Amino acid sequence: MDKVYDLVVIGAGPAGIAAAVEGYLCGIKNILMLEKDDNHNATIRKYYKDNKRVDKDWKGQKVELDGNLYFLDGTKESTLDFFDEVIAKHDIELITNVEVSKIEQEGGLFNVYIAGRSFKTKYAVVTIGRMGKPNKPTYKIPSSIKKKIGYTLDGCGREEKVLVVGGGDSAIEYAVDLAGTNDVSICYRRETFRRANPTNQKNIANAIAHNEIKPILGVNISGLEDDNGKVKVLFDEIPADTFDRVIYAIGGTTPSSFLASAGIKEQNGVPIHDDNYETNIKGLFVAGDITQESGGSIALGLNHGYKIACYIKKKQ
């Protein structure tokens, strides 16, 4: 007979790890965690620059931790170390490099499908982060220059002329990080960087004041063209310019098609859920930044996992 798990968690970010570990501590022993990348917290590994500060109270949100995972302010590296230790201390089965293609409910259980196999479970938690699916521009990117387009700092060389597109924390951090070795411009459709945290606002203002970064503010991009192997950026309000590389840091989107295939209803791009993060499909939960329009903090994700685990324990 096929093994039936008590809980399958899809995604090994903060919320997913919390749901699994808090479930284990509640006495839910038969737990499986599935991660499409080769390690936990892929968003932090891919999208956070080295030594990036990671605060418990993200964007000033004061969050009191409810569960057993005591997370403190730190850096990218200390945060990953923290979750390494948490996973190592608890008996959680983790399978990496597997992407869940579908979740179906059948006979009071859920079938969670990956390539070539499936898992049966009583409860499932979806913690797929928005940055797992980064936003891409609506205009077409010519295939000949796609290798010059990025969504992280991967592939960036030294002494390149780089355009960073976006006005949030990641865009500012990318631009500031590259400014020491590259000719950097940052393009944002608004006039100010008010979405960013105070530290990043100060850093970008200082870099602009010292002519380390060229600001292109209040400007929209209408398209890209191949300019002899370089990227010609077409602006609406100002003349076009050519860059060696363009990096988009314009947020991420909810994986709506995946949620819809599972029968999860959405409203304004956010899956509908109750106070326990249970969706309209009983026994199927969502957690982490997927539950909010503008993302959320690590601390909130930890609290989501704790609340889900407590609720499942009560129902058993």
Protein backbone atom coordinates (compact mmCIF):
# COMPACT_ATOMS: atom_id res chain seq x y z
CA MET A 1 0.00 0.00 0.00
CA ASP A 2 1.12 3.56 -0.70
CA LYS A 3 2.45 5.42 2.32
CA VAL A 4 0.08 8.10 3.58
CA TYR A 5 1.69 11.15 5.12
CA ASP A 6 0.00 13.20 7.79
CA LEU A 7 1.38 16.39 6.26
CA VAL A 8 3.11 17.33 3.00
CA VAL A 9 4.63 20.81 2.80
CA ILE A 10 5.34 22.28 -0.64
CA GLY A 11 8.21 24.74 -0.46
CA ALA A 12 11.14 24.84 1.96
CA GLY A 13 11.23 28.52 2.80
CA PRO A 14 10.62 29.98 6.28
CA ALA A 15 6.87 29.28 6.28
CA GLY A 16 7.30 25.76 4.92
CA ILE A 17 10.05 24.88 7.39
CA ALA A 18 7.96 26.30 10.22
CA ALA A 19 4.89 24.29 9.21
CA ALA A 20 6.96 21.08 9.11
CA VAL A 21 8.98 21.66 12.29
CA GLU A 22 6.08 23.02 14.35
CA GLY A 23 4.00 20.10 13.14
CA TYR A 24 6.72 17.71 14.30
CA LEU A 25 6.86 19.43 17.69
CA CYS A 26 3.07 19.13 17.94
CA GLY A 27 3.36 15.39 17.53
CA ILE A 28 2.66 15.15 13.80
CA LYS A 29 5.53 12.77 13.00
CA ASN A 30 4.78 11.67 9.43
CA ILE A 31 5.83 14.81 7.55
CA LEU A 32 7.32 15.37 4.09
CA MET A 33 8.71 18.63 2.72
CA LEU A 34 9.20 19.11 -1.04
CA GLU A 35 11.47 21.77 -2.57
CA LYS A 36 11.97 22.45 -6.28
CA ASP A 37 15.49 23.89 -5.83
CA ASP A 38 18.54 22.05 -4.54
CA ASN A 39 18.34 23.49 -1.03
CA HIS A 40 15.97 25.20 1.38
CA ASN A 41 15.30 28.98 1.23
CA ALA A 42 16.08 29.33 -2.46
CA THR A 43 14.71 32.89 -2.54
CA ILE A 44 17.19 34.03 0.10
CA ARG A 45 20.04 32.22 -1.66
CA LYS A 46 19.21 33.61 -5.12
CA TYR A 47 17.82 37.07 -4.52
CA TYR A 48 19.66 38.30 -1.42
CA LYS A 49 23.15 39.62 -1.98
CA ASP A 50 25.96 38.38 0.27
CA ASN A 51 25.89 39.86 3.78
CA LYS A 52 22.46 41.39 3.17
CA ARG A 53 20.83 42.42 6.43
CA VAL A 54 17.79 40.31 7.32
CA ASP A 55 15.47 41.79 9.93
CA LYS A 56 12.79 40.01 11.93
CA ASP A 57 10.61 43.12 11.66
CA TRP A 58 10.63 43.44 7.86
CA LYS A 59 9.76 46.96 6.61
CA GLY A 60 9.08 47.95 10.20
CA GLN A 61 6.38 45.32 10.77
CA LYS A 62 6.48 44.50 14.48
CA VAL A 63 5.86 40.77 14.73
CA GLU A 64 5.83 38.78 17.95
CA LEU A 65 6.86 35.20 17.28
CA ASP A 66 4.21 32.74 18.43
CA GLY A 67 5.93 29.42 17.92
CA ASN A 68 9.07 27.56 18.90
CA LEU A 69 11.44 28.94 16.25
CA TYR A 70 13.21 31.93 17.75
CA PHE A 71 14.42 33.97 14.80
CA LEU A 72 16.64 37.03 15.33
CA ASP A 73 17.93 39.84 13.11
CA GLY A 74 21.01 38.86 11.17
CA THR A 75 22.46 38.52 7.69
CA LYS A 76 21.77 36.32 4.69
CA GLU A 77 24.42 33.90 5.92
CA SER A 78 23.30 33.73 9.56
CA THR A 79 19.68 33.26 8.45
CA LEU A 80 20.60 30.29 6.27
CA ASP A 81 22.67 28.87 9.13
CA PHE A 82 19.65 29.23 11.44
CA PHE A 83 17.43 27.22 9.11
CA ASP A 84 20.19 24.63 8.53
CA GLU A 85 20.23 24.02 12.27
CA VAL A 86 16.44 23.92 12.57
CA ILE A 87 16.11 21.28 9.85
CA ALA A 88 19.03 19.24 11.21
CA LYS A 89 17.56 19.14 14.74
CA HIS A 90 14.18 17.69 13.72
CA ASP A 91 13.21 14.53 11.93
CA ILE A 92 11.76 16.09 8.79
CA GLU A 93 11.94 14.23 5.48
CA LEU A 94 13.07 16.71 2.81
CA ILE A 95 13.22 15.96 -0.92
CA THR A 96 14.88 18.63 -3.06
CA ASN A 97 15.05 19.20 -6.83
CA VAL A 98 11.41 18.17 -7.27
CA GLU A 99 8.68 20.46 -8.54
CA VAL A 100 5.07 19.80 -7.62
CA SER A 101 2.96 19.86 -10.76
CA LYS A 102 -0.47 19.28 -9.30
CA ILE A 103 -2.48 18.64 -6.13
CA GLU A 104 -5.71 16.68 -6.31
CA GLN A 105 -8.15 15.65 -3.61
CA GLU A 106 -9.39 12.06 -3.72
CA GLY A 107 -11.20 9.98 -1.15
CA GLY A 108 -10.48 12.33 1.74
CA LEU A 109 -6.76 12.47 0.93
CA PHE A 110 -4.59 14.66 -1.29
CA ASN A 111 -2.41 13.36 -4.09
CA VAL A 112 0.66 15.57 -4.50
CA TYR A 113 2.24 14.97 -7.91
CA ILE A 114 5.86 15.41 -8.98
CA ALA A 115 7.51 14.05 -12.12
CA GLY A 116 7.10 10.28 -12.21
CA ARG A 117 5.49 9.80 -8.81
CA SER A 118 2.98 11.12 -6.28
CA PHE A 119 2.52 11.30 -2.52
CA LYS A 120 -0.65 10.76 -0.52
CA THR A 121 -1.31 12.99 2.48
CA LYS A 122 -4.06 13.93 4.89
CA TYR A 123 -3.08 17.61 4.86
CA ALA A 124 -1.04 19.79 2.51
CA VAL A 125 0.49 23.25 2.88
CA VAL A 126 1.48 25.36 -0.12
CA THR A 127 4.27 27.82 0.71
CA ILE A 128 5.48 28.70 -2.77
CA GLY A 129 7.01 32.18 -2.56
CA ARG A 130 6.25 34.95 -5.00
CA MET A 131 9.92 35.37 -5.86
CA GLY A 132 9.95 31.79 -7.04
CA LYS A 133 8.24 33.31 -10.06
CA PRO A 134 9.86 36.74 -10.60
CA ASN A 135 7.91 39.36 -12.50
CA LYS A 136 9.07 39.83 -16.06
CA PRO A 137 8.44 42.81 -18.32
CA THR A 138 5.34 42.75 -20.50
CA TYR A 139 7.24 43.73 -23.64
CA LYS A 140 9.07 41.13 -25.69
CA ILE A 141 12.75 40.44 -25.04
CA PRO A 142 14.59 39.60 -28.30
CA SER A 143 16.04 36.09 -28.10
CA SER A 144 19.45 37.34 -29.24
CA ILE A 145 19.94 39.35 -26.03
CA LYS A 146 18.19 37.13 -23.47
CA LYS A 147 21.55 36.17 -21.97
CA LYS A 148 22.07 39.87 -21.21
CA ILE A 149 18.83 40.02 -19.18
CA GLY A 150 18.76 38.90 -15.55
CA TYR A 151 16.64 38.87 -12.41
CA THR A 152 19.51 38.46 -9.94
CA LEU A 153 23.19 39.41 -9.92
CA ASP A 154 24.14 36.04 -11.39
CA GLY A 155 26.27 36.48 -14.49
CA CYS A 156 27.19 40.11 -13.86
CA GLY A 157 30.77 40.92 -14.73
CA ARG A 158 33.00 43.82 -13.76
CA GLU A 159 33.18 47.09 -15.68
CA GLU A 160 29.85 46.50 -17.41
CA LYS A 161 27.34 49.23 -18.09
CA VAL A 162 24.32 47.94 -16.16
CA LEU A 163 20.72 49.11 -15.90
CA VAL A 164 18.78 47.95 -12.83
CA VAL A 165 15.00 48.20 -13.23
CA GLY A 166 12.85 48.56 -10.11
CA GLY A 167 12.41 50.68 -7.01
CA GLY A 168 12.23 48.24 -4.13
CA ASP A 169 14.82 46.92 -1.73
CA SER A 170 16.23 44.29 -4.08
CA ALA A 171 16.66 46.76 -6.95
CA ILE A 172 18.46 49.26 -4.72
CA GLU A 173 20.70 46.61 -3.19
CA TYR A 174 21.63 45.26 -6.62
CA ALA A 175 22.47 48.75 -7.88
CA VAL A 176 24.52 49.72 -4.82
CA ASP A 177 26.33 46.40 -4.83
CA LEU A 178 27.33 46.78 -8.50
CA ALA A 179 28.26 50.45 -8.28
CA GLY A 180 31.76 49.78 -7.00
CA THR A 181 32.80 47.86 -10.11
CA ASN A 182 30.37 48.92 -12.83
CA ASP A 183 28.73 51.88 -14.56
CA VAL A 184 25.27 51.58 -13.00
CA SER A 185 21.92 53.25 -13.67
CA ILE A 186 18.66 52.53 -11.90
CA CYS A 187 15.32 53.05 -13.63
CA TYR A 188 12.09 53.35 -11.68
CA ARG A 189 8.71 54.49 -12.92
CA ARG A 190 8.12 56.61 -9.81
CA GLU A 191 10.01 59.72 -8.72
CA THR A 192 11.15 58.39 -5.33
CA PHE A 193 12.16 55.10 -3.71
CA ARG A 194 9.50 55.28 -0.99
CA ARG A 195 8.82 51.52 -1.10
CA ALA A 196 12.32 50.71 0.14
CA ASN A 197 13.35 50.41 3.77
CA PRO A 198 15.06 53.43 5.40
CA THR A 199 18.55 51.93 5.18
CA ASN A 200 18.26 51.32 1.45
CA GLN A 201 16.72 54.75 0.87
CA LYS A 202 19.75 56.27 2.59
CA ASN A 203 22.19 54.11 0.63
CA ILE A 204 20.71 54.91 -2.78
CA ALA A 205 20.49 58.63 -1.98
CA ASN A 206 24.15 58.63 -0.96
CA ALA A 207 25.23 56.72 -4.09
CA ILE A 208 23.32 59.11 -6.34
CA ALA A 209 24.70 62.16 -4.52
CA HIS A 210 28.26 60.90 -5.12
CA ASN A 211 27.55 60.12 -8.79
CA GLU A 212 28.07 56.41 -8.20
CA ILE A 213 24.63 55.54 -9.62
CA LYS A 214 22.71 57.41 -12.31
CA PRO A 215 19.02 57.75 -11.43
CA ILE A 216 16.41 57.42 -14.17
CA LEU A 217 13.26 58.23 -12.21
CA GLY A 218 9.71 58.84 -13.31
CA VAL A 219 10.50 57.01 -16.53
CA ASN A 220 8.86 53.99 -18.16
CA ILE A 221 10.45 51.42 -20.47
CA SER A 222 8.53 50.50 -23.63
CA GLY A 223 10.83 47.86 -25.09
CA LEU A 224 14.26 46.38 -25.72
CA GLU A 225 16.25 45.95 -28.92
CA ASP A 226 19.46 44.19 -29.92
CA ASP A 227 22.17 46.79 -30.53
CA ASN A 228 25.10 44.75 -31.89
CA GLY A 229 24.89 42.29 -29.02
CA LYS A 230 24.14 44.91 -26.39
CA VAL A 231 20.75 45.86 -24.96
CA LYS A 232 19.13 48.99 -26.34
CA VAL A 233 16.52 50.19 -23.87
CA LEU A 234 13.62 52.20 -25.28
CA PHE A 235 12.27 54.72 -22.78
CA ASP A 236 8.93 56.52 -23.15
CA GLU A 237 9.98 59.88 -21.72
CA ILE A 238 13.68 60.13 -22.65
CA PRO A 239 15.93 59.01 -25.52
CA ALA A 240 16.99 55.36 -25.75
CA ASP A 241 20.25 54.17 -24.24
CA THR A 242 22.37 51.03 -24.63
CA PHE A 243 23.64 48.80 -21.82
CA ASP A 244 25.77 45.69 -21.49
CA ARG A 245 23.24 44.15 -19.13
CA VAL A 246 19.74 44.82 -17.74
CA ILE A 247 18.61 43.42 -14.39
CA TYR A 248 14.92 43.39 -13.50
CA ALA A 249 14.03 43.49 -9.81
CA ILE A 250 10.31 44.16 -10.07
CA GLY A 251 8.92 41.68 -7.59
CA GLY A 252 7.18 38.36 -8.03
CA THR A 253 3.73 37.00 -8.73
CA THR A 254 1.44 34.41 -7.19
CA PRO A 255 1.56 31.10 -9.13
CA SER A 256 -2.11 31.46 -10.01
CA SER A 257 -2.35 28.60 -12.52
CA PHE A 258 -0.97 26.14 -9.98
CA LEU A 259 -3.38 27.31 -7.29
CA ALA A 260 -6.30 27.22 -9.70
CA SER A 261 -5.49 23.64 -10.74
CA ALA A 262 -5.79 22.65 -7.08
CA GLY A 263 -9.16 24.42 -6.84
CA ILE A 264 -7.89 27.20 -4.58
CA LYS A 265 -9.82 30.42 -5.09
CA GLU A 266 -8.09 33.81 -5.25
CA GLN A 267 -9.07 37.39 -4.68
CA ASN A 268 -6.88 40.26 -5.93
CA GLY A 269 -4.06 37.82 -6.66
CA VAL A 270 -4.11 36.36 -3.14
CA PRO A 271 -5.43 32.87 -2.30
CA ILE A 272 -8.54 33.06 -0.14
CA HIS A 273 -8.00 31.57 3.31
CA ASP A 274 -9.40 31.73 6.82
CA ASP A 275 -7.67 32.72 10.07
CA ASN A 276 -5.93 29.33 10.18
CA TYR A 277 -4.68 29.76 6.58
CA GLU A 278 -6.98 26.97 5.37
CA THR A 279 -8.21 27.59 1.83
CA ASN A 280 -11.66 26.87 0.40
CA ILE A 281 -10.38 23.30 0.01
CA LYS A 282 -10.57 21.77 3.49
CA GLY A 283 -7.25 20.35 4.57
CA LEU A 284 -5.29 22.42 2.04
CA PHE A 285 -3.44 25.44 3.47
CA VAL A 286 -1.33 28.35 2.21
CA ALA A 287 1.43 30.15 4.12
CA GLY A 288 4.16 32.73 3.68
CA ASP A 289 4.28 35.72 1.37
CA ILE A 290 1.87 34.05 -1.05
CA THR A 291 -0.88 34.98 1.43
CA GLN A 292 -0.32 38.74 1.07
CA GLU A 293 -0.44 41.18 -1.82
CA SER A 294 2.91 42.79 -1.01
CA GLY A 295 4.85 39.89 0.45
CA GLY A 296 5.66 39.35 4.08
CA SER A 297 8.40 38.92 6.62
CA ILE A 298 10.21 35.79 7.71
CA ALA A 299 8.63 36.20 11.15
CA LEU A 300 5.13 36.25 9.67
CA GLY A 301 5.92 33.10 7.71
CA LEU A 302 7.08 31.38 10.89
CA ASN A 303 3.85 32.36 12.62
CA HIS A 304 1.78 31.05 9.69
CA GLY A 305 3.50 27.67 9.95
CA TYR A 306 2.95 27.52 13.70
CA LYS A 307 -0.74 28.35 13.46
CA ILE A 308 -1.32 25.77 10.73
CA ALA A 309 0.48 23.07 12.70
CA CYS A 310 -1.56 23.81 15.84
CA TYR A 311 -4.80 23.73 13.88
CA ILE A 312 -3.98 20.40 12.21
CA LYS A 313 -3.06 18.92 15.57
CA LYS A 314 -6.45 19.91 16.99
CA LYS A 315 -8.25 18.29 14.04
CA GLN A 316 -6.44 14.97 14.37
